[in-house]
Amino acid sequence: MESIWNKIEKPEFSELGGDIKTDVLIIGGGLCGILCATMLKKCRRGLCFGGG
């Protein structure tokens, strides 16, 4: 069975051009990362995703 994630178009992002300030850094956008980001957004926290 092929993963559904292999069938979608993945966005591309440019490299970070310098330092940033954030309250929370989430590494990776898997299920846990997305759920954490969703909950943090509800709390109105500043956050940044990092992953590869």
Protein backbone atom coordinates (compact mmCIF):
# COMPACT_ATOMS: atom_id res chain seq x y z
CA MET A 1 0.00 0.00 0.00
CA GLU A 2 1.39 3.41 -0.96
CA SER A 3 1.37 6.21 1.59
CA ILE A 4 -1.08 9.05 0.98
CA TRP A 5 1.77 11.49 1.76
CA ASN A 6 3.60 10.38 -1.39
CA LYS A 7 0.60 11.44 -3.51
CA ILE A 8 0.35 15.08 -2.45
CA GLU A 9 2.36 18.03 -3.71
CA LYS A 10 4.81 19.12 -1.06
CA PRO A 11 5.48 22.83 -0.58
CA GLU A 12 9.01 24.15 -0.84
CA PHE A 13 10.37 26.80 1.47
CA SER A 14 13.50 28.88 1.22
CA GLU A 15 16.29 28.59 3.77
CA LEU A 16 16.16 30.79 6.81
CA GLY A 17 18.26 33.84 5.99
CA GLY A 18 19.32 34.63 9.54
CA ASP A 19 18.41 34.40 13.19
CA ILE A 20 14.80 34.55 14.35
CA LYS A 21 13.17 34.86 17.76
CA THR A 22 10.35 32.50 18.60
CA ASP A 23 8.65 31.17 21.74
CA VAL A 24 8.54 27.60 20.41
CA LEU A 25 10.42 25.72 17.69
CA ILE A 26 8.77 22.56 16.38
CA ILE A 27 11.12 20.26 14.49
CA GLY A 28 9.21 18.18 11.95
CA GLY A 29 5.65 18.28 10.73
CA GLY A 30 4.50 14.78 11.61
CA LEU A 31 1.35 14.07 13.56
CA CYS A 32 2.85 15.18 16.88
CA GLY A 33 4.35 18.35 15.39
CA ILE A 34 1.10 19.38 13.71
CA LEU A 35 -0.95 18.67 16.85
CA CYS A 36 1.49 20.67 18.99
CA ALA A 37 1.37 23.58 16.54
CA THR A 38 -2.43 23.51 16.48
CA MET A 39 -2.66 23.60 20.27
CA LEU A 40 -0.02 26.34 20.54
CA LYS A 41 -1.80 28.43 17.92
CA LYS A 42 -4.98 28.24 20.01
CA CYS A 43 -2.91 29.62 22.90
CA ARG A 44 -1.63 32.36 20.58
CA ARG A 45 2.03 31.43 21.10
CA GLY A 46 4.68 32.45 18.59
CA LEU A 47 6.04 29.35 16.92
CA CYS A 48 8.28 28.25 14.09
CA PHE A 49 8.51 24.95 12.20
CA GLY A 50 11.85 23.47 11.30
CA GLY A 51 12.33 20.25 9.43
CA GLY A 52 13.69 18.67 6.37
